[in-house]
Amino acid sequence: MRKKGYELGGRNVFEDLGVPNADEHVIKAQLVFKIDTILKRRHLTQREAAALFGVRQPDISKMLRGAFRQFSVERLLRFLVKLDHDVDIVVRPHRAKTSAAAVHVS
């Protein structure tokens, strides 16, 4: 029987890869995914998005390709607001006994 040629990862790929601030990085990735989805749905170009967000087009390109360290979570949330989306932050007690408390983007 052959051994697996891969290793199963955890819930956060950035943590598995040893990326500093992995929890924050996964939140940013989820927010950028939402932004990208909205841009595609609206057929907005990177240039149009840059004008709307008040940034340069190359920064939008980098962000959408995964280089989003320069953007804070707060700034990404403001981009969503500029795309005419409400952002709700809900804080509640963690109840699951099988997992740790976490931040989720939906």
PDB file of N, CA and C in Angstrom:
ATOM      1  N   MET A   1       0.849  -1.183   0.000  1.00  0.00           N
ATOM      2  CA  MET A   1       0.000   0.000   0.000  1.00  0.00           C
ATOM      3  C   MET A   1       0.891   1.243   0.000  1.00  0.00           C
ATOM      4  N   ARG A   2       0.559   2.210  -0.843  1.00  0.00           N
ATOM      5  CA  ARG A   2       1.337   3.445  -0.958  1.00  0.00           C
ATOM      6  C   ARG A   2       0.989   4.423   0.156  1.00  0.00           C
ATOM      7  N   LYS A   3       2.004   5.171   0.560  1.00  0.00           N
ATOM      8  CA  LYS A   3       1.774   6.257   1.509  1.00  0.00           C
ATOM      9  C   LYS A   3       1.203   7.463   0.778  1.00  0.00           C
ATOM     10  N   LYS A   4       0.494   8.307   1.514  1.00  0.00           N
ATOM     11  CA  LYS A   4      -0.014   9.549   0.928  1.00  0.00           C
ATOM     12  C   LYS A   4       1.159  10.431   0.544  1.00  0.00           C
ATOM     13  N   GLY A   5       1.056  11.096  -0.592  1.00  0.00           N
ATOM     14  CA  GLY A   5       2.077  12.024  -1.028  1.00  0.00           C
ATOM     15  C   GLY A   5       1.749  13.452  -0.632  1.00  0.00           C
ATOM     16  N   TYR A   6       0.884  13.602   0.351  1.00  0.00           N
ATOM     17  CA  TYR A   6       0.469  14.932   0.783  1.00  0.00           C
ATOM     18  C   TYR A   6       0.150  14.885   2.274  1.00  0.00           C
ATOM     19  N   GLU A   7      -0.031  16.061   2.828  1.00  0.00           N
ATOM     20  CA  GLU A   7      -0.366  16.176   4.239  1.00  0.00           C
ATOM     21  C   GLU A   7      -1.671  16.958   4.366  1.00  0.00           C
ATOM     22  N   LEU A   8      -2.568  16.508   5.200  1.00  0.00           N
ATOM     23  CA  LEU A   8      -3.823  17.215   5.417  1.00  0.00           C
ATOM     24  C   LEU A   8      -3.549  18.485   6.212  1.00  0.00           C
ATOM     25  N   GLY A   9      -4.163  19.572   5.769  1.00  0.00           N
ATOM     26  CA  GLY A   9      -3.979  20.845   6.449  1.00  0.00           C
ATOM     27  C   GLY A   9      -5.069  21.097   7.469  1.00  0.00           C
ATOM     28  N   GLY A  10      -4.909  22.188   8.168  1.00  0.00           N
ATOM     29  CA  GLY A  10      -5.905  22.596   9.157  1.00  0.00           C
ATOM     30  C   GLY A  10      -6.948  23.493   8.533  1.00  0.00           C
ATOM     31  N   ARG A  11      -7.641  24.242   9.372  1.00  0.00           N
ATOM     32  CA  ARG A  11      -8.706  25.127   8.889  1.00  0.00           C
ATOM     33  C   ARG A  11      -8.167  26.424   8.292  1.00  0.00           C
ATOM     34  N   ASN A  12      -6.901  26.756   8.577  1.00  0.00           N
ATOM     35  CA  ASN A  12      -6.311  28.006   8.101  1.00  0.00           C
ATOM     36  C   ASN A  12      -5.031  27.689   7.342  1.00  0.00           C
ATOM     37  N   VAL A  13      -5.080  27.778   6.027  1.00  0.00           N
ATOM     38  CA  VAL A  13      -3.923  27.449   5.195  1.00  0.00           C
ATOM     39  C   VAL A  13      -2.748  28.367   5.510  1.00  0.00           C
ATOM     40  N   PHE A  14      -3.009  29.613   5.877  1.00  0.00           N
ATOM     41  CA  PHE A  14      -1.928  30.542   6.173  1.00  0.00           C
ATOM     42  C   PHE A  14      -1.181  30.119   7.438  1.00  0.00           C
ATOM     43  N   GLU A  15      -1.899  29.590   8.396  1.00  0.00           N
ATOM     44  CA  GLU A  15      -1.279  29.066   9.605  1.00  0.00           C
ATOM     45  C   GLU A  15      -0.446  27.827   9.269  1.00  0.00           C
ATOM     46  N   ASP A  16      -0.998  26.955   8.407  1.00  0.00           N
ATOM     47  CA  ASP A  16      -0.267  25.759   7.986  1.00  0.00           C
ATOM     48  C   ASP A  16       1.045  26.122   7.302  1.00  0.00           C
ATOM     49  N   LEU A  17       1.054  27.239   6.569  1.00  0.00           N
ATOM     50  CA  LEU A  17       2.246  27.673   5.848  1.00  0.00           C
ATOM     51  C   LEU A  17       3.199  28.499   6.703  1.00  0.00           C
ATOM     52  N   GLY A  18       2.790  28.801   7.931  1.00  0.00           N
ATOM     53  CA  GLY A  18       3.650  29.572   8.828  1.00  0.00           C
ATOM     54  C   GLY A  18       3.639  31.068   8.562  1.00  0.00           C
ATOM     55  N   VAL A  19       2.586  31.567   7.916  1.00  0.00           N
ATOM     56  CA  VAL A  19       2.475  32.998   7.629  1.00  0.00           C
ATOM     57  C   VAL A  19       2.213  33.743   8.932  1.00  0.00           C
ATOM     58  N   PRO A  20       2.989  34.812   9.202  1.00  0.00           N
ATOM     59  CA  PRO A  20       2.728  35.598  10.417  1.00  0.00           C
ATOM     60  C   PRO A  20       1.318  36.191  10.383  1.00  0.00           C
ATOM     61  N   ASN A  21       0.690  36.318  11.536  1.00  0.00           N
ATOM     62  CA  ASN A  21      -0.673  36.860  11.647  1.00  0.00           C
ATOM     63  C   ASN A  21      -1.654  36.104  10.757  1.00  0.00           C
ATOM     64  N   ALA A  22      -1.594  34.796  10.803  1.00  0.00           N
ATOM     65  CA  ALA A  22      -2.388  33.938   9.923  1.00  0.00           C
ATOM     66  C   ALA A  22      -3.890  34.187  10.072  1.00  0.00           C
ATOM     67  N   ASP A  23      -4.362  34.416  11.274  1.00  0.00           N
ATOM     68  CA  ASP A  23      -5.799  34.644  11.474  1.00  0.00           C
ATOM     69  C   ASP A  23      -6.255  35.912  10.753  1.00  0.00           C
ATOM     70  N   GLU A  24      -5.473  36.980  10.862  1.00  0.00           N
ATOM     71  CA  GLU A  24      -5.808  38.222  10.178  1.00  0.00           C
ATOM     72  C   GLU A  24      -5.734  38.033   8.659  1.00  0.00           C
ATOM     73  N   HIS A  25      -4.749  37.264   8.220  1.00  0.00           N
ATOM     74  CA  HIS A  25      -4.560  37.048   6.794  1.00  0.00           C
ATOM     75  C   HIS A  25      -5.756  36.308   6.181  1.00  0.00           C
ATOM     76  N   VAL A  26      -6.284  35.323   6.872  1.00  0.00           N
ATOM     77  CA  VAL A  26      -7.434  34.587   6.335  1.00  0.00           C
ATOM     78  C   VAL A  26      -8.671  35.485   6.281  1.00  0.00           C
ATOM     79  N   ILE A  27      -8.829  36.376   7.232  1.00  0.00           N
ATOM     80  CA  ILE A  27      -9.956  37.313   7.211  1.00  0.00           C
ATOM     81  C   ILE A  27      -9.828  38.244   6.011  1.00  0.00           C
ATOM     82  N   LYS A  28      -8.611  38.759   5.796  1.00  0.00           N
ATOM     83  CA  LYS A  28      -8.392  39.630   4.639  1.00  0.00           C
ATOM     84  C   LYS A  28      -8.673  38.877   3.339  1.00  0.00           C
ATOM     85  N   ALA A  29      -8.235  37.624   3.264  1.00  0.00           N
ATOM     86  CA  ALA A  29      -8.469  36.834   2.051  1.00  0.00           C
ATOM     87  C   ALA A  29      -9.962  36.668   1.798  1.00  0.00           C
ATOM     88  N   GLN A  30     -10.722  36.433   2.848  1.00  0.00           N
ATOM     89  CA  GLN A  30     -12.171  36.284   2.696  1.00  0.00           C
ATOM     90  C   GLN A  30     -12.820  37.593   2.252  1.00  0.00           C
ATOM     91  N   LEU A  31     -12.346  38.716   2.793  1.00  0.00           N
ATOM     92  CA  LEU A  31     -12.896  40.014   2.397  1.00  0.00           C
ATOM     93  C   LEU A  31     -12.544  40.342   0.944  1.00  0.00           C
ATOM     94  N   VAL A  32     -11.308  40.057   0.554  1.00  0.00           N
ATOM     95  CA  VAL A  32     -10.898  40.304  -0.834  1.00  0.00           C
ATOM     96  C   VAL A  32     -11.712  39.425  -1.779  1.00  0.00           C
ATOM     97  N   PHE A  33     -11.991  38.190  -1.376  1.00  0.00           N
ATOM     98  CA  PHE A  33     -12.838  37.316  -2.195  1.00  0.00           C
ATOM     99  C   PHE A  33     -14.217  37.947  -2.402  1.00  0.00           C
ATOM    100  N   LYS A  34     -14.787  38.503  -1.331  1.00  0.00           N
ATOM    101  CA  LYS A  34     -16.099  39.163  -1.440  1.00  0.00           C
ATOM    102  C   LYS A  34     -16.013  40.361  -2.383  1.00  0.00           C
ATOM    103  N   ILE A  35     -14.967  41.172  -2.229  1.00  0.00           N
ATOM    104  CA  ILE A  35     -14.787  42.340  -3.082  1.00  0.00           C
ATOM    105  C   ILE A  35     -14.673  41.907  -4.540  1.00  0.00           C
ATOM    106  N   ASP A  36     -13.861  40.899  -4.802  1.00  0.00           N
ATOM    107  CA  ASP A  36     -13.666  40.398  -6.160  1.00  0.00           C
ATOM    108  C   ASP A  36     -14.982  39.891  -6.751  1.00  0.00           C
ATOM    109  N   THR A  37     -15.753  39.176  -5.968  1.00  0.00           N
ATOM    110  CA  THR A  37     -17.049  38.661  -6.422  1.00  0.00           C
ATOM    111  C   THR A  37     -17.983  39.801  -6.832  1.00  0.00           C
ATOM    112  N   ILE A  38     -18.016  40.852  -6.023  1.00  0.00           N
ATOM    113  CA  ILE A  38     -18.881  41.998  -6.319  1.00  0.00           C
ATOM    114  C   ILE A  38     -18.398  42.721  -7.577  1.00  0.00           C
ATOM    115  N   LEU A  39     -17.077  42.916  -7.688  1.00  0.00           N
ATOM    116  CA  LEU A  39     -16.525  43.591  -8.874  1.00  0.00           C
ATOM    117  C   LEU A  39     -16.884  42.827 -10.148  1.00  0.00           C
ATOM    118  N   LYS A  40     -16.753  41.503 -10.099  1.00  0.00           N
ATOM    119  CA  LYS A  40     -17.081  40.689 -11.274  1.00  0.00           C
ATOM    120  C   LYS A  40     -18.569  40.752 -11.586  1.00  0.00           C
ATOM    121  N   ARG A  41     -19.400  40.670 -10.554  1.00  0.00           N
ATOM    122  CA  ARG A  41     -20.847  40.706 -10.762  1.00  0.00           C
ATOM    123  C   ARG A  41     -21.276  42.025 -11.398  1.00  0.00           C
ATOM    124  N   ARG A  42     -20.613  43.106 -11.015  1.00  0.00           N
ATOM    125  CA  ARG A  42     -20.944  44.427 -11.553  1.00  0.00           C
ATOM    126  C   ARG A  42     -20.175  44.774 -12.830  1.00  0.00           C
ATOM    127  N   HIS A  43     -19.312  43.876 -13.240  1.00  0.00           N
ATOM    128  CA  HIS A  43     -18.487  44.095 -14.438  1.00  0.00           C
ATOM    129  C   HIS A  43     -17.661  45.372 -14.324  1.00  0.00           C
ATOM    130  N   LEU A  44     -17.137  45.637 -13.114  1.00  0.00           N
ATOM    131  CA  LEU A  44     -16.277  46.797 -12.907  1.00  0.00           C
ATOM    132  C   LEU A  44     -14.839  46.445 -13.262  1.00  0.00           C
ATOM    133  N   THR A  45     -14.168  47.361 -13.947  1.00  0.00           N
ATOM    134  CA  THR A  45     -12.753  47.152 -14.255  1.00  0.00           C
ATOM    135  C   THR A  45     -11.913  47.499 -13.034  1.00  0.00           C
ATOM    136  N   GLN A  46     -10.663  47.084 -13.060  1.00  0.00           N
ATOM    137  CA  GLN A  46      -9.761  47.435 -11.966  1.00  0.00           C
ATOM    138  C   GLN A  46      -9.583  48.949 -11.889  1.00  0.00           C
ATOM    139  N   ARG A  47      -9.551  49.595 -13.025  1.00  0.00           N
ATOM    140  CA  ARG A  47      -9.404  51.054 -13.055  1.00  0.00           C
ATOM    141  C   ARG A  47     -10.617  51.724 -12.395  1.00  0.00           C
ATOM    142  N   GLU A  48     -11.829  51.227 -12.701  1.00  0.00           N
ATOM    143  CA  GLU A  48     -13.040  51.785 -12.096  1.00  0.00           C
ATOM    144  C   GLU A  48     -13.063  51.529 -10.587  1.00  0.00           C
ATOM    145  N   ALA A  49     -12.646  50.336 -10.182  1.00  0.00           N
ATOM    146  CA  ALA A  49     -12.599  50.010  -8.754  1.00  0.00           C
ATOM    147  C   ALA A  49     -11.583  50.906  -8.040  1.00  0.00           C
ATOM    148  N   ALA A  50     -10.442  51.128  -8.661  1.00  0.00           N
ATOM    149  CA  ALA A  50      -9.410  51.976  -8.065  1.00  0.00           C
ATOM    150  C   ALA A  50      -9.938  53.390  -7.852  1.00  0.00           C
ATOM    151  N   ALA A  51     -10.641  53.917  -8.846  1.00  0.00           N
ATOM    152  CA  ALA A  51     -11.213  55.261  -8.721  1.00  0.00           C
ATOM    153  C   ALA A  51     -12.243  55.309  -7.595  1.00  0.00           C
ATOM    154  N   LEU A  52     -13.066  54.279  -7.509  1.00  0.00           N
ATOM    155  CA  LEU A  52     -14.092  54.212  -6.468  1.00  0.00           C
ATOM    156  C   LEU A  52     -13.467  54.131  -5.073  1.00  0.00           C
ATOM    157  N   PHE A  53     -12.394  53.342  -4.935  1.00  0.00           N
ATOM    158  CA  PHE A  53     -11.760  53.121  -3.634  1.00  0.00           C
ATOM    159  C   PHE A  53     -10.732  54.192  -3.276  1.00  0.00           C
ATOM    160  N   GLY A  54     -10.334  54.993  -4.260  1.00  0.00           N
ATOM    161  CA  GLY A  54      -9.325  56.017  -3.989  1.00  0.00           C
ATOM    162  C   GLY A  54      -7.912  55.462  -3.901  1.00  0.00           C
ATOM    163  N   VAL A  55      -7.638  54.419  -4.683  1.00  0.00           N
ATOM    164  CA  VAL A  55      -6.298  53.822  -4.727  1.00  0.00           C
ATOM    165  C   VAL A  55      -5.867  53.719  -6.193  1.00  0.00           C
ATOM    166  N   ARG A  56      -4.649  53.264  -6.409  1.00  0.00           N
ATOM    167  CA  ARG A  56      -4.140  53.102  -7.765  1.00  0.00           C
ATOM    168  C   ARG A  56      -4.560  51.751  -8.338  1.00  0.00           C
ATOM    169  N   GLN A  57      -4.727  51.680  -9.650  1.00  0.00           N
ATOM    170  CA  GLN A  57      -5.118  50.428 -10.305  1.00  0.00           C
ATOM    171  C   GLN A  57      -4.127  49.300 -10.024  1.00  0.00           C
ATOM    172  N   PRO A  58      -2.795  49.537 -10.043  1.00  0.00           N
ATOM    173  CA  PRO A  58      -1.887  48.433  -9.739  1.00  0.00           C
ATOM    174  C   PRO A  58      -2.100  47.839  -8.336  1.00  0.00           C
ATOM    175  N   ASP A  59      -2.552  48.681  -7.404  1.00  0.00           N
ATOM    176  CA  ASP A  59      -2.835  48.172  -6.052  1.00  0.00           C
ATOM    177  C   ASP A  59      -4.046  47.243  -6.057  1.00  0.00           C
ATOM    178  N   ILE A  60      -5.041  47.567  -6.891  1.00  0.00           N
ATOM    179  CA  ILE A  60      -6.199  46.682  -7.031  1.00  0.00           C
ATOM    180  C   ILE A  60      -5.759  45.356  -7.642  1.00  0.00           C
ATOM    181  N   SER A  61      -4.932  45.424  -8.661  1.00  0.00           N
ATOM    182  CA  SER A  61      -4.430  44.211  -9.315  1.00  0.00           C
ATOM    183  C   SER A  61      -3.697  43.323  -8.323  1.00  0.00           C
ATOM    184  N   LYS A  62      -2.807  43.924  -7.542  1.00  0.00           N
ATOM    185  CA  LYS A  62      -2.052  43.151  -6.545  1.00  0.00           C
ATOM    186  C   LYS A  62      -3.001  42.530  -5.515  1.00  0.00           C
ATOM    187  N   MET A  63      -3.956  43.325  -5.051  1.00  0.00           N
ATOM    188  CA  MET A  63      -4.902  42.847  -4.041  1.00  0.00           C
ATOM    189  C   MET A  63      -5.661  41.629  -4.555  1.00  0.00           C
ATOM    190  N   LEU A  64      -6.143  41.710  -5.793  1.00  0.00           N
ATOM    191  CA  LEU A  64      -6.940  40.617  -6.348  1.00  0.00           C
ATOM    192  C   LEU A  64      -6.106  39.386  -6.670  1.00  0.00           C
ATOM    193  N   ARG A  65      -4.784  39.554  -6.750  1.00  0.00           N
ATOM    194  CA  ARG A  65      -3.891  38.413  -6.973  1.00  0.00           C
ATOM    195  C   ARG A  65      -3.335  37.866  -5.656  1.00  0.00           C
ATOM    196  N   GLY A  66      -3.812  38.391  -4.519  1.00  0.00           N
ATOM    197  CA  GLY A  66      -3.423  37.835  -3.228  1.00  0.00           C
ATOM    198  C   GLY A  66      -2.385  38.622  -2.466  1.00  0.00           C
ATOM    199  N   ALA A  67      -1.900  39.704  -3.011  1.00  0.00           N
ATOM    200  CA  ALA A  67      -0.920  40.547  -2.313  1.00  0.00           C
ATOM    201  C   ALA A  67      -1.666  41.696  -1.648  1.00  0.00           C
ATOM    202  N   PHE A  68      -2.300  41.402  -0.526  1.00  0.00           N
ATOM    203  CA  PHE A  68      -3.155  42.409   0.115  1.00  0.00           C
ATOM    204  C   PHE A  68      -2.677  42.802   1.499  1.00  0.00           C
ATOM    205  N   ARG A  69      -1.418  42.537   1.824  1.00  0.00           N
ATOM    206  CA  ARG A  69      -0.894  42.899   3.147  1.00  0.00           C
ATOM    207  C   ARG A  69      -0.974  44.393   3.413  1.00  0.00           C
ATOM    208  N   GLN A  70      -0.878  45.216   2.364  1.00  0.00           N
ATOM    209  CA  GLN A  70      -0.876  46.668   2.541  1.00  0.00           C
ATOM    210  C   GLN A  70      -2.242  47.198   2.971  1.00  0.00           C
ATOM    211  N   PHE A  71      -3.288  46.403   2.822  1.00  0.00           N
ATOM    212  CA  PHE A  71      -4.630  46.846   3.180  1.00  0.00           C
ATOM    213  C   PHE A  71      -5.024  46.282   4.536  1.00  0.00           C
ATOM    214  N   SER A  72      -5.503  47.142   5.408  1.00  0.00           N
ATOM    215  CA  SER A  72      -5.981  46.695   6.714  1.00  0.00           C
ATOM    216  C   SER A  72      -7.372  46.080   6.555  1.00  0.00           C
ATOM    217  N   VAL A  73      -7.788  45.333   7.546  1.00  0.00           N
ATOM    218  CA  VAL A  73      -9.139  44.779   7.542  1.00  0.00           C
ATOM    219  C   VAL A  73     -10.155  45.926   7.473  1.00  0.00           C
ATOM    220  N   GLU A  74      -9.897  46.972   8.222  1.00  0.00           N
ATOM    221  CA  GLU A  74     -10.811  48.123   8.226  1.00  0.00           C
ATOM    222  C   GLU A  74     -10.932  48.735   6.832  1.00  0.00           C
ATOM    223  N   ARG A  75      -9.823  48.861   6.138  1.00  0.00           N
ATOM    224  CA  ARG A  75      -9.869  49.460   4.799  1.00  0.00           C
ATOM    225  C   ARG A  75     -10.637  48.561   3.826  1.00  0.00           C
ATOM    226  N   LEU A  76     -10.442  47.259   3.927  1.00  0.00           N
ATOM    227  CA  LEU A  76     -11.182  46.329   3.071  1.00  0.00           C
ATOM    228  C   LEU A  76     -12.683  46.416   3.353  1.00  0.00           C
ATOM    229  N   LEU A  77     -13.030  46.600   4.621  1.00  0.00           N
ATOM    230  CA  LEU A  77     -14.443  46.780   4.979  1.00  0.00           C
ATOM    231  C   LEU A  77     -14.993  48.070   4.358  1.00  0.00           C
ATOM    232  N   ARG A  78     -14.175  49.129   4.343  1.00  0.00           N
ATOM    233  CA  ARG A  78     -14.607  50.379   3.717  1.00  0.00           C
ATOM    234  C   ARG A  78     -14.793  50.210   2.211  1.00  0.00           C
ATOM    235  N   PHE A  79     -13.958  49.371   1.572  1.00  0.00           N
ATOM    236  CA  PHE A  79     -14.141  49.089   0.146  1.00  0.00           C
ATOM    237  C   PHE A  79     -15.516  48.458  -0.089  1.00  0.00           C
ATOM    238  N   LEU A  80     -15.918  47.543   0.785  1.00  0.00           N
ATOM    239  CA  LEU A  80     -17.233  46.907   0.659  1.00  0.00           C
ATOM    240  C   LEU A  80     -18.354  47.932   0.797  1.00  0.00           C
ATOM    241  N   VAL A  81     -18.185  48.883   1.700  1.00  0.00           N
ATOM    242  CA  VAL A  81     -19.185  49.945   1.864  1.00  0.00           C
ATOM    243  C   VAL A  81     -19.249  50.802   0.603  1.00  0.00           C
ATOM    244  N   LYS A  82     -18.084  51.095   0.013  1.00  0.00           N
ATOM    245  CA  LYS A  82     -18.059  51.877  -1.231  1.00  0.00           C
ATOM    246  C   LYS A  82     -18.710  51.106  -2.385  1.00  0.00           C
ATOM    247  N   LEU A  83     -18.743  49.788  -2.261  1.00  0.00           N
ATOM    248  CA  LEU A  83     -19.437  48.957  -3.250  1.00  0.00           C
ATOM    249  C   LEU A  83     -20.917  48.817  -2.909  1.00  0.00           C
ATOM    250  N   ASP A  84     -21.399  49.672  -1.989  1.00  0.00           N
ATOM    251  CA  ASP A  84     -22.804  49.735  -1.596  1.00  0.00           C
ATOM    252  C   ASP A  84     -23.275  48.472  -0.891  1.00  0.00           C
ATOM    253  N   HIS A  85     -22.430  47.963  -0.003  1.00  0.00           N
ATOM    254  CA  HIS A  85     -22.800  46.820   0.830  1.00  0.00           C
ATOM    255  C   HIS A  85     -22.730  47.225   2.304  1.00  0.00           C
ATOM    256  N   ASP A  86     -23.700  46.778   3.072  1.00  0.00           N
ATOM    257  CA  ASP A  86     -23.651  46.981   4.517  1.00  0.00           C
ATOM    258  C   ASP A  86     -22.672  45.991   5.119  1.00  0.00           C
ATOM    259  N   VAL A  87     -21.970  46.433   6.144  1.00  0.00           N
ATOM    260  CA  VAL A  87     -21.053  45.565   6.882  1.00  0.00           C
ATOM    261  C   VAL A  87     -21.548  45.534   8.321  1.00  0.00           C
ATOM    262  N   ASP A  88     -21.914  44.353   8.787  1.00  0.00           N
ATOM    263  CA  ASP A  88     -22.372  44.172  10.160  1.00  0.00           C
ATOM    264  C   ASP A  88     -21.305  43.416  10.933  1.00  0.00           C
ATOM    265  N   ILE A  89     -20.964  43.915  12.102  1.00  0.00           N
ATOM    266  CA  ILE A  89     -20.030  43.214  12.978  1.00  0.00           C
ATOM    267  C   ILE A  89     -20.842  42.736  14.173  1.00  0.00           C
ATOM    268  N   VAL A  90     -20.874  41.427  14.350  1.00  0.00           N
ATOM    269  CA  VAL A  90     -21.669  40.820  15.416  1.00  0.00           C
ATOM    270  C   VAL A  90     -20.726  40.125  16.387  1.00  0.00           C
ATOM    271  N   VAL A  91     -20.865  40.435  17.659  1.00  0.00           N
ATOM    272  CA  VAL A  91     -20.061  39.800  18.693  1.00  0.00           C
ATOM    273  C   VAL A  91     -21.002  39.003  19.574  1.00  0.00           C
ATOM    274  N   ARG A  92     -20.693  37.718  19.753  1.00  0.00           N
ATOM    275  CA  ARG A  92     -21.545  36.863  20.573  1.00  0.00           C
ATOM    276  C   ARG A  92     -20.666  35.837  21.292  1.00  0.00           C
ATOM    277  N   PRO A  93     -21.160  35.278  22.369  1.00  0.00           N
ATOM    278  CA  PRO A  93     -20.379  34.262  23.086  1.00  0.00           C
ATOM    279  C   PRO A  93     -20.153  33.030  22.211  1.00  0.00           C
ATOM    280  N   HIS A  94     -18.992  32.453  22.345  1.00  0.00           N
ATOM    281  CA  HIS A  94     -18.674  31.219  21.616  1.00  0.00           C
ATOM    282  C   HIS A  94     -19.283  30.048  22.378  1.00  0.00           C
ATOM    283  N   ARG A  95     -20.002  29.189  21.675  1.00  0.00           N
ATOM    284  CA  ARG A  95     -20.720  28.113  22.361  1.00  0.00           C
ATOM    285  C   ARG A  95     -20.219  26.722  22.022  1.00  0.00           C
ATOM    286  N   ALA A  96     -19.515  26.583  20.912  1.00  0.00           N
ATOM    287  CA  ALA A  96     -19.064  25.245  20.504  1.00  0.00           C
ATOM    288  C   ALA A  96     -17.974  24.756  21.452  1.00  0.00           C
ATOM    289  N   LYS A  97     -18.120  23.520  21.882  1.00  0.00           N
ATOM    290  CA  LYS A  97     -17.127  22.945  22.798  1.00  0.00           C
ATOM    291  C   LYS A  97     -16.010  22.252  22.040  1.00  0.00           C
ATOM    292  N   THR A  98     -16.216  22.048  20.746  1.00  0.00           N
ATOM    293  CA  THR A  98     -15.230  21.288  19.966  1.00  0.00           C
ATOM    294  C   THR A  98     -14.253  22.169  19.207  1.00  0.00           C
ATOM    295  N   SER A  99     -14.471  23.489  19.208  1.00  0.00           N
ATOM    296  CA  SER A  99     -13.558  24.373  18.484  1.00  0.00           C
ATOM    297  C   SER A  99     -13.347  25.670  19.251  1.00  0.00           C
ATOM    298  N   ALA A 100     -12.299  26.392  18.892  1.00  0.00           N
ATOM    299  CA  ALA A 100     -11.987  27.657  19.532  1.00  0.00           C
ATOM    300  C   ALA A 100     -12.840  28.772  18.916  1.00  0.00           C
ATOM    301  N   ALA A 101     -12.989  29.850  19.641  1.00  0.00           N
ATOM    302  CA  ALA A 101     -13.686  31.019  19.116  1.00  0.00           C
ATOM    303  C   ALA A 101     -12.914  31.561  17.926  1.00  0.00           C
ATOM    304  N   ALA A 102     -13.619  32.149  16.959  1.00  0.00           N
ATOM    305  CA  ALA A 102     -12.965  32.614  15.743  1.00  0.00           C
ATOM    306  C   ALA A 102     -13.760  33.735  15.096  1.00  0.00           C
ATOM    307  N   VAL A 103     -13.132  34.399  14.145  1.00  0.00           N
ATOM    308  CA  VAL A 103     -13.775  35.430  13.333  1.00  0.00           C
ATOM    309  C   VAL A 103     -14.180  34.799  12.018  1.00  0.00           C
ATOM    310  N   HIS A 104     -15.399  35.084  11.557  1.00  0.00           N
ATOM    311  CA  HIS A 104     -15.903  34.518  10.314  1.00  0.00           C
ATOM    312  C   HIS A 104     -16.414  35.626   9.412  1.00  0.00           C
ATOM    313  N   VAL A 105     -16.179  35.495   8.128  1.00  0.00           N
ATOM    314  CA  VAL A 105     -16.722  36.408   7.120  1.00  0.00           C
ATOM    315  C   VAL A 105     -17.724  35.628   6.307  1.00  0.00           C
ATOM    316  N   SER A 106     -18.938  36.153   6.184  1.00  0.00           N
ATOM    317  CA  SER A 106     -19.946  35.453   5.381  1.00  0.00           C
ATOM    318  C   SER A 106     -20.664  36.413   4.473  1.00  0.00           C
TER     319      SER A 106
END
